[in-house]
N, C-alpha and C. Protein backbone atom coordinates (compact mmCIF):
# COMPACT_ATOMS: atom_id res chain seq x y z
N LEU A 1 -83.17 -28.68 -7.99
CA LEU A 1 -82.76 -27.32 -8.76
C LEU A 1 -82.94 -28.40 -10.30
N ASN A 2 -84.01 -28.10 -11.15
CA ASN A 2 -83.98 -28.91 -12.15
C ASN A 2 -83.10 -29.28 -13.58
N LEU A 3 -83.06 -29.88 -14.35
CA LEU A 3 -81.97 -30.19 -15.25
C LEU A 3 -81.79 -28.59 -15.93
N THR A 4 -82.99 -27.62 -16.39
CA THR A 4 -82.99 -26.43 -16.66
C THR A 4 -82.45 -25.89 -16.38
N ASN A 5 -82.28 -25.65 -14.85
CA ASN A 5 -81.52 -24.90 -14.18
C ASN A 5 -80.12 -25.24 -14.15
N ILE A 6 -79.92 -26.43 -14.11
CA ILE A 6 -78.58 -27.34 -13.84
C ILE A 6 -77.87 -26.64 -15.37
N ILE A 7 -78.09 -26.59 -16.63
CA ILE A 7 -77.78 -26.39 -17.67
C ILE A 7 -77.64 -24.63 -17.80
N GLY A 8 -78.91 -24.12 -17.42
CA GLY A 8 -78.66 -22.52 -17.41
C GLY A 8 -77.55 -21.95 -15.94
N LEU A 9 -77.26 -22.69 -15.20
CA LEU A 9 -76.40 -22.37 -14.48
C LEU A 9 -74.48 -22.49 -14.98
N SER A 10 -74.67 -23.91 -15.80
CA SER A 10 -73.73 -24.46 -16.13
C SER A 10 -73.24 -23.58 -17.19
N ALA A 11 -74.26 -22.63 -18.34
CA ALA A 11 -73.77 -21.94 -19.42
C ALA A 11 -73.16 -20.79 -19.02
N SER A 12 -73.61 -20.48 -17.69
CA SER A 12 -73.30 -18.83 -17.22
C SER A 12 -72.10 -19.04 -16.21
N PHE A 13 -71.28 -20.02 -15.76
CA PHE A 13 -70.14 -20.55 -15.46
C PHE A 13 -68.95 -19.93 -16.54
N VAL A 14 -69.53 -21.55 -17.46
CA VAL A 14 -68.29 -21.26 -18.64
C VAL A 14 -68.67 -20.05 -19.47
N GLY A 15 -69.35 -19.42 -19.41
CA GLY A 15 -69.58 -17.96 -20.24
C GLY A 15 -68.55 -17.00 -19.78
N LEU A 16 -68.71 -16.70 -18.48
CA LEU A 16 -67.97 -16.28 -17.70
C LEU A 16 -66.41 -16.08 -17.27
N GLY A 17 -65.87 -17.62 -17.87
CA GLY A 17 -64.10 -18.06 -18.11
C GLY A 17 -64.05 -17.38 -19.88
N ILE A 18 -65.00 -16.68 -20.39
CA ILE A 18 -64.25 -16.36 -21.90
C ILE A 18 -63.60 -15.15 -21.78
N ARG A 19 -63.67 -14.37 -21.06
CA ARG A 19 -63.05 -12.93 -21.54
C ARG A 19 -61.88 -13.10 -20.21
N ILE A 20 -61.70 -14.34 -19.70
CA ILE A 20 -60.47 -14.34 -18.66
C ILE A 20 -59.07 -14.62 -19.05
N PRO A 21 -59.25 -15.26 -20.02
CA PRO A 21 -57.56 -15.15 -20.80
C PRO A 21 -57.53 -13.55 -21.29
N GLN A 22 -58.15 -12.85 -21.89
CA GLN A 22 -58.22 -11.93 -22.19
C GLN A 22 -57.57 -10.48 -21.11
N ILE A 23 -57.97 -10.60 -19.98
CA ILE A 23 -57.77 -9.98 -18.63
C ILE A 23 -56.16 -10.80 -18.69
N TYR A 24 -56.01 -11.54 -18.46
CA TYR A 24 -54.95 -12.12 -18.34
C TYR A 24 -53.71 -11.26 -18.90
N LYS A 25 -53.97 -12.01 -20.29
CA LYS A 25 -52.90 -11.45 -21.71
C LYS A 25 -52.82 -9.07 -20.84
N ILE A 26 -54.06 -8.64 -20.51
CA ILE A 26 -53.32 -7.59 -21.02
C ILE A 26 -52.80 -7.48 -19.17
N TYR A 27 -53.01 -8.16 -18.47
CA TYR A 27 -52.56 -8.04 -16.93
C TYR A 27 -50.72 -8.14 -17.49
N LYS A 28 -50.54 -9.60 -18.01
CA LYS A 28 -49.28 -10.06 -18.48
C LYS A 28 -48.34 -9.10 -19.42
N THR A 29 -48.98 -8.68 -20.77
CA THR A 29 -48.38 -7.72 -21.26
C THR A 29 -48.14 -5.94 -20.82
N LYS A 30 -49.34 -5.58 -20.10
CA LYS A 30 -49.24 -4.23 -19.27
C LYS A 30 -49.83 -3.96 -20.82
N SER A 31 -50.43 -4.05 -21.68
CA SER A 31 -51.13 -2.87 -23.07
C SER A 31 -52.43 -3.38 -22.96
N ALA A 32 -52.99 -2.78 -23.43
CA ALA A 32 -54.71 -3.24 -24.08
C ALA A 32 -54.98 -2.39 -25.16
N THR A 33 -53.83 -2.22 -25.77
CA THR A 33 -54.35 -1.10 -27.48
C THR A 33 -55.05 -2.28 -28.40
N ASP A 34 -55.00 -3.49 -28.16
CA ASP A 34 -55.83 -4.01 -29.40
C ASP A 34 -57.18 -4.15 -28.65
N LEU A 35 -57.35 -4.10 -27.35
CA LEU A 35 -58.98 -4.21 -27.35
C LEU A 35 -59.89 -2.68 -27.95
N SER A 36 -60.62 -2.86 -28.78
CA SER A 36 -61.63 -1.66 -28.65
C SER A 36 -62.83 -1.19 -27.28
N TYR A 37 -62.82 0.20 -27.39
CA TYR A 37 -63.29 0.54 -26.15
C TYR A 37 -65.25 0.55 -26.54
N ILE A 38 -65.57 0.57 -28.40
CA ILE A 38 -66.22 0.73 -28.92
C ILE A 38 -66.81 -1.42 -28.07
N SER A 39 -66.15 -1.58 -28.36
CA SER A 39 -66.09 -3.36 -28.10
C SER A 39 -66.29 -3.84 -26.79
N VAL A 40 -65.43 -2.88 -26.20
CA VAL A 40 -65.95 -3.10 -24.40
C VAL A 40 -67.40 -2.38 -23.92
N ILE A 41 -67.54 -1.23 -24.26
CA ILE A 41 -68.74 -0.55 -23.92
C ILE A 41 -70.16 -1.69 -24.39
N THR A 42 -70.00 -1.81 -25.83
CA THR A 42 -71.08 -1.84 -25.96
C THR A 42 -71.68 -3.37 -25.30
N ALA A 43 -70.36 -4.15 -25.04
CA ALA A 43 -70.66 -5.80 -24.21
C ALA A 43 -71.24 -5.10 -22.93
N ASP A 44 -70.33 -4.33 -22.20
CA ASP A 44 -71.41 -3.74 -21.21
C ASP A 44 -72.78 -3.44 -21.23
N PHE A 45 -73.23 -2.84 -22.09
CA PHE A 45 -74.58 -2.74 -22.54
C PHE A 45 -75.08 -3.51 -22.41
N ASN A 46 -74.44 -4.87 -23.65
CA ASN A 46 -75.63 -5.15 -23.30
C ASN A 46 -76.00 -6.39 -22.59
N GLN A 47 -75.29 -6.67 -21.61
CA GLN A 47 -75.20 -7.15 -20.15
C GLN A 47 -76.09 -6.27 -19.58
N ILE A 48 -76.08 -4.82 -19.48
CA ILE A 48 -77.39 -4.56 -18.88
C ILE A 48 -78.50 -4.92 -19.69
N LEU A 49 -78.30 -5.03 -20.47
CA LEU A 49 -80.19 -5.19 -21.14
C LEU A 49 -80.16 -6.88 -21.33
N TRP A 50 -79.66 -7.51 -21.19
CA TRP A 50 -79.51 -9.21 -20.33
C TRP A 50 -80.24 -9.22 -19.10
N PHE A 51 -79.16 -8.31 -17.83
CA PHE A 51 -79.50 -8.28 -16.63
C PHE A 51 -81.29 -7.51 -16.79
N SER A 52 -81.53 -6.76 -17.31
CA SER A 52 -82.91 -6.18 -17.26
C SER A 52 -83.67 -7.42 -17.82
N TYR A 53 -83.52 -8.02 -18.77
CA TYR A 53 -84.68 -9.01 -19.30
C TYR A 53 -84.29 -9.94 -18.82
N ALA A 54 -83.72 -10.67 -17.47
CA ALA A 54 -83.61 -11.21 -16.63
C ALA A 54 -84.24 -11.16 -15.49
N TYR A 55 -84.54 -10.24 -15.23
CA TYR A 55 -84.99 -9.44 -14.21
C TYR A 55 -86.46 -9.42 -14.28
N LEU A 56 -86.81 -9.25 -15.53
CA LEU A 56 -87.93 -9.11 -16.14
C LEU A 56 -89.18 -10.77 -15.93
N GLN A 57 -87.93 -11.25 -16.51
CA GLN A 57 -88.16 -13.14 -16.81
C GLN A 57 -87.86 -13.59 -15.36
N ASN A 58 -87.51 -12.94 -14.50
CA ASN A 58 -87.14 -13.61 -13.15
C ASN A 58 -86.92 -14.86 -13.34
N ASP A 59 -85.52 -14.74 -14.06
CA ASP A 59 -84.44 -15.90 -14.49
C ASP A 59 -83.37 -15.84 -13.67
N PHE A 60 -82.98 -16.63 -12.61
CA PHE A 60 -81.82 -16.68 -11.75
C PHE A 60 -80.70 -16.57 -12.33
N SER A 61 -80.38 -18.00 -13.66
CA SER A 61 -79.15 -17.81 -14.15
C SER A 61 -78.51 -16.74 -15.17
N LEU A 62 -79.70 -16.29 -15.87
CA LEU A 62 -79.40 -15.19 -16.55
C LEU A 62 -78.82 -14.03 -16.07
N LEU A 63 -79.87 -14.01 -14.58
CA LEU A 63 -79.65 -12.65 -14.02
C LEU A 63 -77.52 -12.75 -13.55
N LEU A 64 -77.71 -13.87 -13.13
CA LEU A 64 -76.17 -14.17 -12.71
C LEU A 64 -75.08 -14.06 -13.75
N SER A 65 -75.50 -14.65 -14.77
CA SER A 65 -74.47 -14.61 -15.91
C SER A 65 -74.59 -13.21 -16.66
N ALA A 66 -75.84 -12.70 -16.74
CA ALA A 66 -75.12 -10.81 -16.79
C ALA A 66 -74.62 -10.61 -16.05
N THR A 67 -74.92 -10.58 -14.64
CA THR A 67 -74.39 -10.25 -13.83
C THR A 67 -72.60 -10.10 -13.76
N GLY A 68 -72.35 -11.72 -13.80
CA GLY A 68 -70.90 -12.13 -14.03
C GLY A 68 -70.24 -11.45 -15.25
N HIS A 69 -70.91 -11.48 -16.61
CA HIS A 69 -70.15 -10.84 -18.01
C HIS A 69 -70.07 -8.98 -17.37
N PHE A 70 -71.24 -8.57 -16.94
CA PHE A 70 -70.72 -7.44 -16.46
C PHE A 70 -69.41 -7.02 -16.10
N ILE A 71 -69.52 -7.42 -14.74
CA ILE A 71 -68.44 -7.05 -13.90
C ILE A 71 -66.83 -7.70 -14.78
N ILE A 72 -66.59 -8.30 -15.63
CA ILE A 72 -65.78 -8.79 -16.30
C ILE A 72 -65.09 -7.87 -17.33
N CYS A 73 -66.41 -7.34 -17.97
CA CYS A 73 -66.62 -6.56 -18.86
C CYS A 73 -66.36 -5.30 -18.47
N SER A 74 -66.35 -4.87 -17.54
CA SER A 74 -66.31 -3.55 -16.65
C SER A 74 -64.82 -3.90 -16.27
N THR A 75 -64.07 -4.60 -16.10
CA THR A 75 -62.67 -5.17 -15.42
C THR A 75 -61.96 -5.00 -16.75
N LEU A 76 -62.22 -5.29 -18.15
CA LEU A 76 -61.70 -4.87 -19.11
C LEU A 76 -61.79 -3.71 -19.32
N LEU A 77 -62.81 -3.11 -19.52
CA LEU A 77 -63.09 -1.49 -19.81
C LEU A 77 -61.87 0.08 -18.83
N PHE A 78 -62.48 -0.81 -17.27
CA PHE A 78 -60.92 -0.35 -16.79
C PHE A 78 -59.66 -0.26 -16.82
N THR A 79 -58.53 -1.49 -17.13
CA THR A 79 -58.15 -2.32 -17.33
C THR A 79 -57.27 -1.12 -18.46
N LYS A 80 -57.83 -1.74 -19.24
CA LYS A 80 -57.87 -0.28 -20.95
C LYS A 80 -57.94 1.13 -20.75
N LEU A 81 -58.39 1.51 -19.83
CA LEU A 81 -58.54 2.72 -19.27
C LEU A 81 -57.02 3.18 -18.81
N TYR A 82 -56.67 2.06 -17.58
CA TYR A 82 -55.22 1.95 -17.04
C TYR A 82 -54.32 2.16 -17.91
N TYR A 83 -54.23 1.04 -18.76
CA TYR A 83 -53.10 0.97 -19.47
C TYR A 83 -52.98 2.01 -20.78
N ASP A 84 -54.20 2.18 -20.92
CA ASP A 84 -53.80 3.59 -21.98
C ASP A 84 -53.69 4.59 -21.62
N ARG A 85 -53.69 5.21 -20.26
CA ARG A 85 -53.83 6.45 -19.61
C ARG A 85 -52.30 6.01 -19.58
N LYS A 86 -51.54 4.95 -18.84
CA LYS A 86 -50.31 4.88 -18.50
C LYS A 86 -49.48 4.69 -19.66
N LYS A 87 -49.93 4.11 -20.59
CA LYS A 87 -48.92 4.85 -22.14
C LYS A 87 -48.70 6.07 -22.34
N ARG A 88 -49.66 6.35 -22.51
CA ARG A 88 -50.02 7.70 -22.88
C ARG A 88 -48.98 8.56 -22.05
N LEU A 89 -49.29 8.33 -20.63
CA LEU A 89 -48.35 9.27 -19.81
C LEU A 89 -46.79 9.07 -19.93
N ASN A 90 -46.33 7.59 -20.52
CA ASN A 90 -44.72 6.84 -20.53
C ASN A 90 -44.37 7.85 -22.22
N GLU A 91 -44.95 7.85 -22.93
CA GLU A 91 -44.79 8.44 -23.98
C GLU A 91 -44.64 10.14 -23.84
N VAL A 92 -45.70 10.77 -23.21
CA VAL A 92 -45.03 12.15 -22.44
C VAL A 92 -43.99 12.43 -22.25
N THR A 93 -43.20 11.58 -21.13
CA THR A 93 -42.14 11.87 -19.97
C THR A 93 -41.03 11.38 -20.84
N LEU A 94 -41.09 10.57 -22.08
CA LEU A 94 -39.89 10.32 -22.80
C LEU A 94 -39.70 11.29 -24.15
């Protein structure tokens, strides 16, 4: 590995941690009402574009980063869907 690859991989791993606190907060509070669907869907779409770019450029660190970010953003989306649905069901039964 050369310095450029090390920096790229390091940036990928650090970047993957950006949304982890948000996922943790949603899990602890059992609420995702402050999270915007548009924001999460846009972030997922952005990672699809970055993945496509990285694939075409044959850039492993960007591929890794885009894949990881897509997984994390998708986790946020599904977590939001789950807790929003649960909240709606609780409001209906009350």
